[in-house]
Amino acid sequence: MMRGFVALLRHDLALGWRERADLMPVLGFFVVVALLVPLAVGPEPNLLARIAAGMLWLAALLAVLLALDRLFADDWRDGTLDLLLLSPLPLPLAVLAKVTAHWLLSTAPLVVLAPLLAVLLRLPEVAWPALLGGLLVGTPALSLIGAVGAALTLGARRGGVLLALLVLPLYVPVLVFGAAAVEAALAGTGAAPHLMLLGAIFLAALALAPWAAGAALRLAVE
């Protein structure tokens, strides 16, 4: 079972790396949104520091959403999804492998770039651990929740719009707790409670999202 999971993960990583040019718009979107903030609100350092956490989290959230529409769509079009349904690998594990590959290819680079953008937005260094810790825990939760929405809207007309309407309300707690962790670090009150809540959301999504997405994929194929 684990051998099938690893094989599917390696296949999706290799395929995504060959088509990495398709992932560049996601990374570019994240950077451009963050860089537009100083132009919109002005270069005043204290103002930028106050809004940096929220803007970085919002940019990451929208970038993850931008990449979700291809999570299952290509497999659905070329028949790979039918093969996954017939394979001995349980569908929830297949979904988890695909979500993991999606996160590593399209979202992990955003986490790597976050400190650089934090410097440009004048976010104090004391808040960097809370920002990175929150993104490392929160963005996988965004991908897992988004996988359910991507499965539910698979093959639908205007699927991107429906996907956004479905998952954006579910993304709000991750955004709130992620930004609150940074604000707590800046205030000196400790980011641990907010990071623990993000961890709880991630664990809940890890337990439930692969099963829900798998059920939605079966309905989409049938």
N, C-alpha and C. Protein backbone atom coordinates (compact mmCIF):
# COMPACT_ATOMS: atom_id res chain seq x y z
N MET A 1 0.83 -1.20 0.00
CA MET A 1 0.00 0.00 0.00
C MET A 1 0.87 1.26 0.00
N MET A 2 1.85 1.29 0.92
CA MET A 2 2.73 2.45 0.98
C MET A 2 3.60 2.54 -0.27
N ARG A 3 3.92 1.38 -0.86
CA ARG A 3 4.70 1.39 -2.10
C ARG A 3 3.92 2.08 -3.21
N GLY A 4 2.62 1.81 -3.28
CA GLY A 4 1.79 2.48 -4.28
C GLY A 4 1.68 3.97 -4.03
N PHE A 5 1.58 4.34 -2.73
CA PHE A 5 1.53 5.76 -2.38
C PHE A 5 2.80 6.47 -2.83
N VAL A 6 3.95 5.89 -2.53
CA VAL A 6 5.23 6.51 -2.88
C VAL A 6 5.39 6.57 -4.40
N ALA A 7 4.97 5.51 -5.09
CA ALA A 7 5.09 5.49 -6.55
C ALA A 7 4.24 6.59 -7.19
N LEU A 8 3.02 6.76 -6.70
CA LEU A 8 2.15 7.82 -7.24
C LEU A 8 2.72 9.19 -6.91
N LEU A 9 3.24 9.36 -5.70
CA LEU A 9 3.84 10.63 -5.32
C LEU A 9 5.02 10.97 -6.22
N ARG A 10 5.89 10.00 -6.46
CA ARG A 10 7.06 10.23 -7.32
C ARG A 10 6.62 10.51 -8.76
N HIS A 11 5.59 9.81 -9.22
CA HIS A 11 5.09 10.06 -10.58
C HIS A 11 4.57 11.49 -10.72
N ASP A 12 3.78 11.94 -9.77
CA ASP A 12 3.22 13.29 -9.85
C ASP A 12 4.31 14.35 -9.70
N LEU A 13 5.30 14.08 -8.86
CA LEU A 13 6.41 15.04 -8.72
C LEU A 13 7.21 15.14 -10.01
N ALA A 14 7.48 13.99 -10.63
CA ALA A 14 8.23 14.00 -11.88
C ALA A 14 7.44 14.69 -12.99
N LEU A 15 6.15 14.39 -13.06
CA LEU A 15 5.31 15.01 -14.08
C LEU A 15 5.20 16.51 -13.86
N GLY A 16 5.00 16.91 -12.61
CA GLY A 16 4.91 18.33 -12.31
C GLY A 16 6.21 19.06 -12.57
N TRP A 17 7.35 18.40 -12.32
CA TRP A 17 8.63 19.05 -12.57
C TRP A 17 8.86 19.25 -14.06
N ARG A 18 8.42 18.28 -14.87
CA ARG A 18 8.57 18.44 -16.32
C ARG A 18 7.70 19.59 -16.83
N GLU A 19 6.58 19.81 -16.16
CA GLU A 19 5.68 20.89 -16.58
C GLU A 19 5.75 22.07 -15.61
N ARG A 20 6.95 22.31 -15.07
CA ARG A 20 7.09 23.33 -14.04
C ARG A 20 6.79 24.73 -14.54
N ALA A 21 6.85 24.93 -15.87
CA ALA A 21 6.51 26.25 -16.41
C ALA A 21 5.06 26.61 -16.09
N ASP A 22 4.21 25.61 -15.95
CA ASP A 22 2.80 25.87 -15.61
C ASP A 22 2.64 26.33 -14.16
N LEU A 23 3.66 26.06 -13.33
CA LEU A 23 3.58 26.45 -11.92
C LEU A 23 4.13 27.85 -11.67
N MET A 24 4.87 28.38 -12.65
CA MET A 24 5.48 29.70 -12.45
C MET A 24 4.44 30.81 -12.23
N PRO A 25 3.29 30.78 -12.91
CA PRO A 25 2.30 31.83 -12.64
C PRO A 25 1.85 31.88 -11.19
N VAL A 26 1.80 30.73 -10.52
CA VAL A 26 1.39 30.70 -9.11
C VAL A 26 2.42 31.43 -8.27
N LEU A 27 3.69 31.12 -8.49
CA LEU A 27 4.77 31.78 -7.75
C LEU A 27 4.81 33.25 -8.08
N GLY A 28 4.66 33.58 -9.37
CA GLY A 28 4.67 34.98 -9.77
C GLY A 28 3.51 35.75 -9.17
N PHE A 29 2.34 35.12 -9.09
CA PHE A 29 1.18 35.78 -8.49
C PHE A 29 1.45 36.12 -7.04
N PHE A 30 2.02 35.17 -6.30
CA PHE A 30 2.32 35.40 -4.89
C PHE A 30 3.27 36.59 -4.72
N VAL A 31 4.31 36.63 -5.53
CA VAL A 31 5.30 37.70 -5.42
C VAL A 31 4.70 39.04 -5.82
N VAL A 32 3.95 39.05 -6.91
CA VAL A 32 3.40 40.32 -7.40
C VAL A 32 2.40 40.91 -6.42
N VAL A 33 1.53 40.06 -5.85
CA VAL A 33 0.56 40.55 -4.88
C VAL A 33 1.27 41.18 -3.68
N ALA A 34 2.32 40.51 -3.19
CA ALA A 34 3.06 41.05 -2.04
C ALA A 34 3.78 42.34 -2.40
N LEU A 35 4.31 42.44 -3.61
CA LEU A 35 5.06 43.64 -4.00
C LEU A 35 4.15 44.82 -4.32
N LEU A 36 2.90 44.53 -4.65
CA LEU A 36 1.97 45.63 -4.95
C LEU A 36 1.50 46.35 -3.69
N VAL A 37 1.64 45.70 -2.54
CA VAL A 37 1.15 46.30 -1.29
C VAL A 37 1.82 47.63 -1.00
N PRO A 38 3.17 47.74 -1.04
CA PRO A 38 3.78 49.05 -0.76
C PRO A 38 3.34 50.13 -1.74
N LEU A 39 3.06 49.74 -2.98
CA LEU A 39 2.59 50.73 -3.95
C LEU A 39 1.18 51.21 -3.62
N ALA A 40 0.38 50.34 -3.04
CA ALA A 40 -1.01 50.68 -2.75
C ALA A 40 -1.15 51.49 -1.47
N VAL A 41 -0.39 51.13 -0.44
CA VAL A 41 -0.57 51.77 0.88
C VAL A 41 0.53 52.75 1.23
N GLY A 42 1.60 52.77 0.42
CA GLY A 42 2.70 53.68 0.70
C GLY A 42 3.86 52.97 1.38
N PRO A 43 5.04 53.58 1.38
CA PRO A 43 6.24 52.91 1.90
C PRO A 43 6.48 53.12 3.38
N GLU A 44 5.51 53.63 4.12
CA GLU A 44 5.74 53.93 5.54
C GLU A 44 6.01 52.63 6.30
N PRO A 45 7.18 52.48 6.94
CA PRO A 45 7.60 51.19 7.52
C PRO A 45 6.64 50.65 8.57
N ASN A 46 6.16 51.49 9.48
CA ASN A 46 5.28 50.99 10.54
C ASN A 46 3.97 50.44 9.98
N LEU A 47 3.44 51.13 8.97
CA LEU A 47 2.19 50.66 8.35
C LEU A 47 2.41 49.33 7.64
N LEU A 48 3.52 49.21 6.91
CA LEU A 48 3.81 47.97 6.22
C LEU A 48 3.98 46.81 7.20
N ALA A 49 4.66 47.07 8.32
CA ALA A 49 4.88 46.02 9.32
C ALA A 49 3.55 45.55 9.91
N ARG A 50 2.58 46.47 10.06
CA ARG A 50 1.29 46.09 10.65
C ARG A 50 0.48 45.21 9.72
N ILE A 51 0.58 45.45 8.41
CA ILE A 51 -0.27 44.71 7.48
C ILE A 51 0.48 43.57 6.78
N ALA A 52 1.78 43.43 7.04
CA ALA A 52 2.58 42.44 6.30
C ALA A 52 2.07 41.03 6.49
N ALA A 53 1.75 40.65 7.73
CA ALA A 53 1.32 39.28 8.00
C ALA A 53 0.04 38.95 7.24
N GLY A 54 -0.94 39.83 7.34
CA GLY A 54 -2.20 39.59 6.65
C GLY A 54 -2.05 39.53 5.14
N MET A 55 -1.21 40.41 4.59
CA MET A 55 -1.04 40.44 3.15
C MET A 55 -0.30 39.19 2.65
N LEU A 56 0.72 38.76 3.38
CA LEU A 56 1.44 37.56 2.97
C LEU A 56 0.54 36.32 3.04
N TRP A 57 -0.26 36.23 4.09
CA TRP A 57 -1.18 35.10 4.20
C TRP A 57 -2.25 35.14 3.12
N LEU A 58 -2.76 36.34 2.84
CA LEU A 58 -3.78 36.45 1.79
C LEU A 58 -3.20 36.11 0.43
N ALA A 59 -1.97 36.56 0.16
CA ALA A 59 -1.33 36.23 -1.11
C ALA A 59 -1.10 34.73 -1.23
N ALA A 60 -0.66 34.09 -0.14
CA ALA A 60 -0.45 32.64 -0.17
C ALA A 60 -1.77 31.90 -0.39
N LEU A 61 -2.82 32.33 0.27
CA LEU A 61 -4.14 31.70 0.13
C LEU A 61 -4.62 31.77 -1.32
N LEU A 62 -4.51 32.95 -1.93
CA LEU A 62 -4.97 33.11 -3.31
C LEU A 62 -4.10 32.33 -4.28
N ALA A 63 -2.79 32.26 -3.99
CA ALA A 63 -1.90 31.49 -4.86
C ALA A 63 -2.24 30.00 -4.81
N VAL A 64 -2.52 29.48 -3.62
CA VAL A 64 -2.93 28.07 -3.49
C VAL A 64 -4.23 27.85 -4.26
N LEU A 65 -5.17 28.76 -4.13
CA LEU A 65 -6.45 28.63 -4.83
C LEU A 65 -6.24 28.63 -6.35
N LEU A 66 -5.30 29.45 -6.81
CA LEU A 66 -5.03 29.53 -8.25
C LEU A 66 -4.54 28.22 -8.82
N ALA A 67 -3.81 27.44 -8.01
CA ALA A 67 -3.23 26.19 -8.50
C ALA A 67 -4.16 24.99 -8.35
N LEU A 68 -5.29 25.15 -7.69
CA LEU A 68 -6.13 23.99 -7.37
C LEU A 68 -6.88 23.43 -8.56
N ASP A 69 -7.17 24.25 -9.56
CA ASP A 69 -8.05 23.78 -10.63
C ASP A 69 -7.43 22.65 -11.45
N ARG A 70 -6.09 22.49 -11.38
CA ARG A 70 -5.43 21.43 -12.14
C ARG A 70 -5.11 20.21 -11.29
N LEU A 71 -5.55 20.20 -10.05
CA LEU A 71 -5.17 19.12 -9.14
C LEU A 71 -5.65 17.76 -9.65
N PHE A 72 -6.90 17.70 -10.10
CA PHE A 72 -7.45 16.45 -10.63
C PHE A 72 -7.88 16.56 -12.09
N ALA A 73 -7.91 17.77 -12.64
CA ALA A 73 -8.50 17.97 -13.96
C ALA A 73 -7.76 17.22 -15.05
N ASP A 74 -6.43 17.26 -15.05
CA ASP A 74 -5.67 16.57 -16.10
C ASP A 74 -5.87 15.06 -16.03
N ASP A 75 -5.89 14.51 -14.81
CA ASP A 75 -6.11 13.07 -14.66
C ASP A 75 -7.51 12.69 -15.11
N TRP A 76 -8.47 13.55 -14.89
CA TRP A 76 -9.85 13.28 -15.30
C TRP A 76 -9.96 13.28 -16.83
N ARG A 77 -9.25 14.20 -17.48
CA ARG A 77 -9.34 14.30 -18.94
C ARG A 77 -8.64 13.14 -19.65
N ASP A 78 -7.46 12.73 -19.15
CA ASP A 78 -6.70 11.71 -19.88
C ASP A 78 -6.99 10.28 -19.42
N GLY A 79 -7.92 10.10 -18.49
CA GLY A 79 -8.30 8.76 -18.06
C GLY A 79 -7.49 8.20 -16.91
N THR A 80 -6.50 8.95 -16.42
CA THR A 80 -5.69 8.46 -15.29
C THR A 80 -6.54 8.27 -14.05
N LEU A 81 -7.55 9.10 -13.89
CA LEU A 81 -8.41 8.99 -12.72
C LEU A 81 -9.16 7.66 -12.71
N ASP A 82 -9.56 7.18 -13.88
CA ASP A 82 -10.23 5.87 -13.95
C ASP A 82 -9.28 4.76 -13.51
N LEU A 83 -8.02 4.87 -13.91
CA LEU A 83 -7.03 3.86 -13.51
C LEU A 83 -6.80 3.89 -12.00
N LEU A 84 -6.82 5.10 -11.41
CA LEU A 84 -6.64 5.20 -9.96
C LEU A 84 -7.80 4.54 -9.23
N LEU A 85 -9.00 4.68 -9.78
CA LEU A 85 -10.15 4.06 -9.14
C LEU A 85 -10.09 2.53 -9.20
N LEU A 86 -9.45 2.02 -10.24
CA LEU A 86 -9.34 0.57 -10.41
C LEU A 86 -8.09 -0.01 -9.75
N SER A 87 -7.18 0.83 -9.33
CA SER A 87 -5.92 0.34 -8.76
C SER A 87 -6.16 -0.17 -7.33
N PRO A 88 -5.25 -1.03 -6.83
CA PRO A 88 -5.39 -1.52 -5.46
C PRO A 88 -5.13 -0.47 -4.39
N LEU A 89 -4.54 0.66 -4.78
CA LEU A 89 -4.27 1.74 -3.82
C LEU A 89 -5.59 2.39 -3.41
N PRO A 90 -5.91 2.44 -2.11
CA PRO A 90 -7.15 3.12 -1.69
C PRO A 90 -7.20 4.55 -2.19
N LEU A 91 -8.37 4.97 -2.64
CA LEU A 91 -8.50 6.28 -3.24
C LEU A 91 -8.11 7.42 -2.29
N PRO A 92 -8.45 7.36 -0.99
CA PRO A 92 -7.99 8.42 -0.10
C PRO A 92 -6.47 8.56 -0.06
N LEU A 93 -5.75 7.44 -0.12
CA LEU A 93 -4.29 7.51 -0.16
C LEU A 93 -3.80 8.10 -1.48
N ALA A 94 -4.47 7.78 -2.57
CA ALA A 94 -4.12 8.37 -3.86
C ALA A 94 -4.34 9.89 -3.83
N VAL A 95 -5.45 10.31 -3.23
CA VAL A 95 -5.71 11.74 -3.09
C VAL A 95 -4.62 12.40 -2.25
N LEU A 96 -4.24 11.76 -1.15
CA LEU A 96 -3.21 12.31 -0.29
C LEU A 96 -1.88 12.44 -1.02
N ALA A 97 -1.54 11.45 -1.85
CA ALA A 97 -0.30 11.52 -2.63
C ALA A 97 -0.34 12.69 -3.60
N LYS A 98 -1.47 12.88 -4.26
CA LYS A 98 -1.58 13.96 -5.23
C LYS A 98 -1.55 15.32 -4.54
N VAL A 99 -2.19 15.43 -3.38
CA VAL A 99 -2.17 16.69 -2.64
C VAL A 99 -0.76 16.99 -2.14
N THR A 100 -0.05 15.96 -1.69
CA THR A 100 1.33 16.15 -1.23
C THR A 100 2.21 16.65 -2.36
N ALA A 101 2.10 16.04 -3.53
CA ALA A 101 2.87 16.50 -4.69
C ALA A 101 2.49 17.92 -5.07
N HIS A 102 1.21 18.21 -5.03
CA HIS A 102 0.73 19.57 -5.34
C HIS A 102 1.34 20.58 -4.39
N TRP A 103 1.36 20.24 -3.10
CA TRP A 103 1.92 21.18 -2.11
C TRP A 103 3.42 21.36 -2.31
N LEU A 104 4.14 20.28 -2.54
CA LEU A 104 5.59 20.38 -2.71
C LEU A 104 5.96 21.20 -3.95
N LEU A 105 5.18 21.07 -5.00
CA LEU A 105 5.53 21.75 -6.25
C LEU A 105 5.06 23.18 -6.31
N SER A 106 3.86 23.45 -5.82
CA SER A 106 3.27 24.77 -6.03
C SER A 106 3.23 25.65 -4.80
N THR A 107 3.29 25.06 -3.61
CA THR A 107 3.11 25.86 -2.40
C THR A 107 4.37 25.95 -1.55
N ALA A 108 5.15 24.88 -1.48
CA ALA A 108 6.40 24.95 -0.71
C ALA A 108 7.31 26.08 -1.18
N PRO A 109 7.42 26.36 -2.49
CA PRO A 109 8.24 27.52 -2.90
C PRO A 109 7.74 28.85 -2.34
N LEU A 110 6.44 28.96 -2.11
CA LEU A 110 5.92 30.19 -1.52
C LEU A 110 6.43 30.36 -0.10
N VAL A 111 6.49 29.25 0.64
CA VAL A 111 7.00 29.30 2.02
C VAL A 111 8.47 29.71 2.02
N VAL A 112 9.23 29.21 1.04
CA VAL A 112 10.65 29.56 0.95
C VAL A 112 10.83 31.04 0.66
N LEU A 113 9.96 31.58 -0.17
CA LEU A 113 10.06 33.00 -0.55
C LEU A 113 9.53 33.95 0.52
N ALA A 114 8.75 33.44 1.44
CA ALA A 114 8.08 34.30 2.42
C ALA A 114 9.05 35.19 3.22
N PRO A 115 10.21 34.68 3.70
CA PRO A 115 11.11 35.58 4.45
C PRO A 115 11.60 36.75 3.62
N LEU A 116 11.89 36.52 2.33
CA LEU A 116 12.34 37.62 1.48
C LEU A 116 11.26 38.68 1.34
N LEU A 117 10.03 38.24 1.12
CA LEU A 117 8.94 39.20 1.02
C LEU A 117 8.67 39.87 2.36
N ALA A 118 8.89 39.14 3.46
CA ALA A 118 8.75 39.76 4.78
C ALA A 118 9.73 40.90 4.97
N VAL A 119 10.94 40.74 4.45
CA VAL A 119 11.93 41.82 4.51
C VAL A 119 11.44 43.03 3.71
N LEU A 120 10.93 42.78 2.52
CA LEU A 120 10.45 43.89 1.67
C LEU A 120 9.27 44.60 2.31
N LEU A 121 8.46 43.87 3.09
CA LEU A 121 7.31 44.48 3.74
C LEU A 121 7.63 44.98 5.15
N ARG A 122 8.92 44.98 5.50
CA ARG A 122 9.40 45.51 6.78
C ARG A 122 8.83 44.77 7.99
N LEU A 123 8.57 43.47 7.85
CA LEU A 123 8.12 42.68 8.99
C LEU A 123 9.30 42.41 9.91
N PRO A 124 9.23 42.75 11.19
CA PRO A 124 10.36 42.53 12.10
C PRO A 124 10.76 41.05 12.17
N GLU A 125 12.04 40.81 12.39
CA GLU A 125 12.57 39.45 12.41
C GLU A 125 11.96 38.60 13.51
N VAL A 126 11.53 39.23 14.58
CA VAL A 126 10.96 38.47 15.70
C VAL A 126 9.71 37.70 15.29
N ALA A 127 9.06 38.17 14.23
CA ALA A 127 7.82 37.52 13.78
C ALA A 127 8.06 36.48 12.70
N TRP A 128 9.28 36.36 12.20
CA TRP A 128 9.54 35.41 11.12
C TRP A 128 9.26 33.96 11.51
N PRO A 129 9.69 33.49 12.69
CA PRO A 129 9.37 32.09 13.04
C PRO A 129 7.87 31.80 13.06
N ALA A 130 7.08 32.75 13.56
CA ALA A 130 5.63 32.55 13.57
C ALA A 130 5.07 32.52 12.16
N LEU A 131 5.60 33.38 11.29
CA LEU A 131 5.14 33.40 9.90
C LEU A 131 5.47 32.09 9.20
N LEU A 132 6.73 31.65 9.31
CA LEU A 132 7.14 30.42 8.63
C LEU A 132 6.45 29.19 9.23
N GLY A 133 6.38 29.14 10.56
CA GLY A 133 5.70 28.02 11.20
C GLY A 133 4.24 27.94 10.80
N GLY A 134 3.58 29.09 10.76
CA GLY A 134 2.19 29.10 10.35
C GLY A 134 2.00 28.67 8.91
N LEU A 135 2.88 29.14 8.02
CA LEU A 135 2.76 28.75 6.61
C LEU A 135 3.05 27.27 6.42
N LEU A 136 4.02 26.73 7.16
CA LEU A 136 4.35 25.31 7.03
C LEU A 136 3.20 24.42 7.49
N VAL A 137 2.44 24.88 8.47
CA VAL A 137 1.31 24.09 8.96
C VAL A 137 0.02 24.43 8.23
N GLY A 138 -0.16 25.71 7.92
CA GLY A 138 -1.42 26.17 7.36
C GLY A 138 -1.59 25.90 5.88
N THR A 139 -0.51 26.03 5.10
CA THR A 139 -0.68 25.83 3.65
C THR A 139 -1.01 24.38 3.29
N PRO A 140 -0.47 23.35 3.98
CA PRO A 140 -0.97 22.00 3.67
C PRO A 140 -2.45 21.83 3.98
N ALA A 141 -2.92 22.51 5.03
CA ALA A 141 -4.36 22.46 5.32
C ALA A 141 -5.15 23.11 4.20
N LEU A 142 -4.63 24.21 3.64
CA LEU A 142 -5.31 24.85 2.51
C LEU A 142 -5.39 23.90 1.31
N SER A 143 -4.29 23.19 1.05
CA SER A 143 -4.27 22.25 -0.07
C SER A 143 -5.25 21.10 0.15
N LEU A 144 -5.32 20.59 1.37
CA LEU A 144 -6.23 19.48 1.65
C LEU A 144 -7.68 19.91 1.53
N ILE A 145 -8.00 21.06 2.10
CA ILE A 145 -9.37 21.56 1.99
C ILE A 145 -9.71 21.85 0.53
N GLY A 146 -8.75 22.45 -0.18
CA GLY A 146 -8.97 22.75 -1.59
C GLY A 146 -9.16 21.52 -2.44
N ALA A 147 -8.54 20.39 -2.03
CA ALA A 147 -8.71 19.16 -2.80
C ALA A 147 -10.16 18.70 -2.80
N VAL A 148 -10.85 18.90 -1.70
CA VAL A 148 -12.26 18.54 -1.63
C VAL A 148 -13.06 19.40 -2.61
N GLY A 149 -12.79 20.69 -2.61
CA GLY A 149 -13.48 21.58 -3.55
C GLY A 149 -13.15 21.25 -4.99
N ALA A 150 -11.87 20.94 -5.27
CA ALA A 150 -11.48 20.59 -6.64
C ALA A 150 -12.17 19.32 -7.10
N ALA A 151 -12.34 18.35 -6.20
CA ALA A 151 -13.03 17.11 -6.56
C ALA A 151 -14.53 17.35 -6.79
N LEU A 152 -15.12 18.18 -5.96
CA LEU A 152 -16.55 18.44 -6.09
C LEU A 152 -16.90 19.20 -7.37
N THR A 153 -15.99 20.04 -7.84
CA THR A 153 -16.26 20.87 -9.03
C THR A 153 -15.63 20.28 -10.29
N LEU A 154 -15.11 19.06 -10.21
CA LEU A 154 -14.45 18.45 -11.36
C LEU A 154 -15.43 18.28 -12.51
N GLY A 155 -15.06 18.83 -13.65
CA GLY A 155 -15.90 18.73 -14.83
C GLY A 155 -17.04 19.71 -14.90
N ALA A 156 -17.20 20.55 -13.90
CA ALA A 156 -18.30 21.51 -13.90
C ALA A 156 -17.98 22.71 -14.77
N ARG A 157 -19.00 23.30 -15.35
CA ARG A 157 -18.81 24.56 -16.07
C ARG A 157 -18.49 25.66 -15.07
N ARG A 158 -17.58 26.54 -15.46
CA ARG A 158 -17.10 27.60 -14.56
C ARG A 158 -16.65 27.00 -13.24
N GLY A 159 -15.89 25.91 -13.35
CA GLY A 159 -15.44 25.22 -12.15
C GLY A 159 -14.57 26.06 -11.26
N GLY A 160 -13.77 26.96 -11.85
CA GLY A 160 -12.91 27.82 -11.04
C GLY A 160 -13.70 28.74 -10.12
N VAL A 161 -14.80 29.28 -10.64
CA VAL A 161 -15.64 30.16 -9.82
C VAL A 161 -16.31 29.37 -8.70
N LEU A 162 -16.84 28.20 -9.05
CA LEU A 162 -17.48 27.36 -8.04
C LEU A 162 -16.48 26.92 -6.97
N LEU A 163 -15.28 26.60 -7.41
CA LEU A 163 -14.24 26.18 -6.47
C LEU A 163 -13.94 27.28 -5.47
N ALA A 164 -13.81 28.50 -5.96
CA ALA A 164 -13.53 29.62 -5.06
C ALA A 164 -14.68 29.83 -4.08
N LEU A 165 -15.90 29.74 -4.55
CA LEU A 165 -17.06 29.92 -3.68
C LEU A 165 -17.13 28.84 -2.60
N LEU A 166 -16.71 27.63 -2.96
CA LEU A 166 -16.77 26.52 -2.00
C LEU A 166 -15.70 26.61 -0.92
N VAL A 167 -14.47 26.91 -1.32
CA VAL A 167 -13.36 26.76 -0.38
C VAL A 167 -12.99 28.04 0.35
N LEU A 168 -13.27 29.19 -0.23
CA LEU A 168 -12.86 30.43 0.43
C LEU A 168 -13.44 30.58 1.84
N PRO A 169 -14.72 30.29 2.06
CA PRO A 169 -15.21 30.37 3.45
C PRO A 169 -14.49 29.41 4.40
N LEU A 170 -14.08 28.24 3.89
CA LEU A 170 -13.37 27.28 4.73
C LEU A 170 -11.92 27.70 4.97
N TYR A 171 -11.42 28.57 4.14
CA TYR A 171 -10.05 29.06 4.30
C TYR A 171 -9.94 30.15 5.37
N VAL A 172 -11.06 30.74 5.73
CA VAL A 172 -11.02 31.90 6.65
C VAL A 172 -10.34 31.57 7.99
N PRO A 173 -10.66 30.44 8.66
CA PRO A 173 -9.98 30.17 9.93
C PRO A 173 -8.48 30.05 9.80
N VAL A 174 -8.00 29.44 8.71
CA VAL A 174 -6.56 29.33 8.51
C VAL A 174 -5.94 30.72 8.35
N LEU A 175 -6.58 31.56 7.58
CA LEU A 175 -6.09 32.93 7.39
C LEU A 175 -6.07 33.70 8.70
N VAL A 176 -7.12 33.58 9.47
CA VAL A 176 -7.23 34.32 10.73
C VAL A 176 -6.17 33.88 11.72
N PHE A 177 -6.04 32.57 11.93
CA PHE A 177 -5.08 32.08 12.92
C PHE A 177 -3.64 32.27 12.45
N GLY A 178 -3.41 32.16 11.14
CA GLY A 178 -2.06 32.38 10.63
C GLY A 178 -1.60 33.81 10.83
N ALA A 179 -2.47 34.77 10.48
CA ALA A 179 -2.12 36.17 10.70
C ALA A 179 -2.05 36.51 12.18
N ALA A 180 -2.94 35.91 12.98
CA ALA A 180 -2.94 36.19 14.42
C ALA A 180 -1.66 35.69 15.09
N ALA A 181 -1.09 34.59 14.60
CA ALA A 181 0.16 34.09 15.17
C ALA A 181 1.28 35.11 14.99
N VAL A 182 1.33 35.73 13.82
CA VAL A 182 2.36 36.74 13.58
C VAL A 182 2.11 37.97 14.45
N GLU A 183 0.86 38.39 14.55
CA GLU A 183 0.55 39.55 15.38
C GLU A 183 0.89 39.28 16.85
N ALA A 184 0.63 38.07 17.32
CA ALA A 184 0.96 37.73 18.70
C ALA A 184 2.47 37.74 18.92
N ALA A 185 3.23 37.27 17.92
CA ALA A 185 4.69 37.31 18.04
C ALA A 185 5.19 38.75 18.09
N LEU A 186 4.58 39.62 17.31
CA LEU A 186 4.98 41.03 17.33
C LEU A 186 4.63 41.68 18.66
N ALA A 187 3.50 41.29 19.24
CA ALA A 187 3.07 41.87 20.51
C ALA A 187 3.79 41.26 21.71
N GLY A 188 4.50 40.16 21.50
CA GLY A 188 5.22 39.52 22.58
C GLY A 188 4.36 38.63 23.46
N THR A 189 3.15 38.30 23.01
CA THR A 189 2.25 37.47 23.81
C THR A 189 2.38 35.98 23.48
N GLY A 190 3.15 35.64 22.46
CA GLY A 190 3.36 34.24 22.13
C GLY A 190 2.44 33.76 21.03
N ALA A 191 3.04 33.14 20.02
CA ALA A 191 2.27 32.67 18.87
C ALA A 191 1.82 31.23 19.02
N ALA A 192 2.26 30.53 20.08
CA ALA A 192 2.00 29.10 20.22
C ALA A 192 0.51 28.73 20.18
N PRO A 193 -0.38 29.44 20.88
CA PRO A 193 -1.81 29.04 20.82
C PRO A 193 -2.38 29.08 19.41
N HIS A 194 -2.03 30.09 18.66
CA HIS A 194 -2.55 30.22 17.30
C HIS A 194 -1.95 29.13 16.40
N LEU A 195 -0.66 28.84 16.58
CA LEU A 195 -0.05 27.77 15.79
C LEU A 195 -0.64 26.41 16.13
N MET A 196 -0.99 26.21 17.40
CA MET A 196 -1.63 24.95 17.79
C MET A 196 -3.01 24.82 17.16
N LEU A 197 -3.73 25.92 17.06
CA LEU A 197 -5.03 25.87 16.39
C LEU A 197 -4.87 25.58 14.91
N LEU A 198 -3.84 26.16 14.30
CA LEU A 198 -3.55 25.82 12.90
C LEU A 198 -3.22 24.34 12.76
N GLY A 199 -2.44 23.82 13.72
CA GLY A 199 -2.13 22.40 13.69
C GLY A 199 -3.36 21.54 13.82
N ALA A 200 -4.31 21.95 14.66
CA ALA A 200 -5.55 21.20 14.81
C ALA A 200 -6.35 21.20 13.50
N ILE A 201 -6.39 22.34 12.82
CA ILE A 201 -7.09 22.41 11.54
C ILE A 201 -6.41 21.49 10.52
N PHE A 202 -5.07 21.50 10.52
CA PHE A 202 -4.34 20.64 9.59
C PHE A 202 -4.63 19.16 9.86
N LEU A 203 -4.61 18.76 11.13
CA LEU A 203 -4.85 17.36 11.46
C LEU A 203 -6.28 16.95 11.10
N ALA A 204 -7.24 17.84 11.33
CA ALA A 204 -8.62 17.54 10.96
C ALA A 204 -8.75 17.40 9.45
N ALA A 205 -8.10 18.31 8.72
CA ALA A 205 -8.15 18.22 7.25
C ALA A 205 -7.44 16.96 6.76
N LEU A 206 -6.32 16.59 7.40
CA LEU A 206 -5.59 15.39 7.00
C LEU A 206 -6.44 14.13 7.22
N ALA A 207 -7.24 14.13 8.27
CA ALA A 207 -8.06 12.96 8.57
C ALA A 207 -9.30 12.88 7.69
N LEU A 208 -9.87 14.01 7.33
CA LEU A 208 -11.18 14.01 6.66
C LEU A 208 -11.12 14.30 5.17
N ALA A 209 -10.24 15.21 4.75
CA ALA A 209 -10.26 15.67 3.37
C ALA A 209 -9.98 14.57 2.35
N PRO A 210 -8.98 13.67 2.55
CA PRO A 210 -8.78 12.63 1.53
C PRO A 210 -9.99 11.74 1.31
N TRP A 211 -10.72 11.42 2.39
CA TRP A 211 -11.93 10.60 2.25
C TRP A 211 -13.02 11.36 1.51
N ALA A 212 -13.21 12.62 1.88
CA ALA A 212 -14.25 13.42 1.22
C ALA A 212 -13.92 13.64 -0.25
N ALA A 213 -12.67 13.96 -0.55
CA ALA A 213 -12.28 14.16 -1.94
C ALA A 213 -12.39 12.87 -2.73
N GLY A 214 -12.03 11.74 -2.12
CA GLY A 214 -12.16 10.45 -2.81
C GLY A 214 -13.60 10.13 -3.16
N ALA A 215 -14.50 10.38 -2.23
CA ALA A 215 -15.92 10.14 -2.51
C ALA A 215 -16.41 11.04 -3.63
N ALA A 216 -15.98 12.31 -3.63
CA ALA A 216 -16.39 13.23 -4.69
C ALA A 216 -15.83 12.81 -6.04
N LEU A 217 -14.61 12.29 -6.07
CA LEU A 217 -14.02 11.82 -7.33
C LEU A 217 -14.79 10.63 -7.88
N ARG A 218 -15.20 9.72 -7.01
CA ARG A 218 -16.00 8.58 -7.48
C ARG A 218 -17.30 9.05 -8.12
N LEU A 219 -17.94 10.03 -7.52
CA LEU A 219 -19.17 10.57 -8.08
C LEU A 219 -18.91 11.25 -9.42
N ALA A 220 -17.77 11.94 -9.54
CA ALA A 220 -17.46 12.64 -10.79
C ALA A 220 -17.22 11.67 -11.92
N VAL A 221 -16.59 10.53 -11.63
CA VAL A 221 -16.29 9.53 -12.67
C VAL A 221 -17.53 8.77 -13.06
N GLU A 222 -18.37 8.45 -12.09
CA GLU A 222 -19.58 7.68 -12.37
C GLU A 222 -20.63 8.53 -13.05
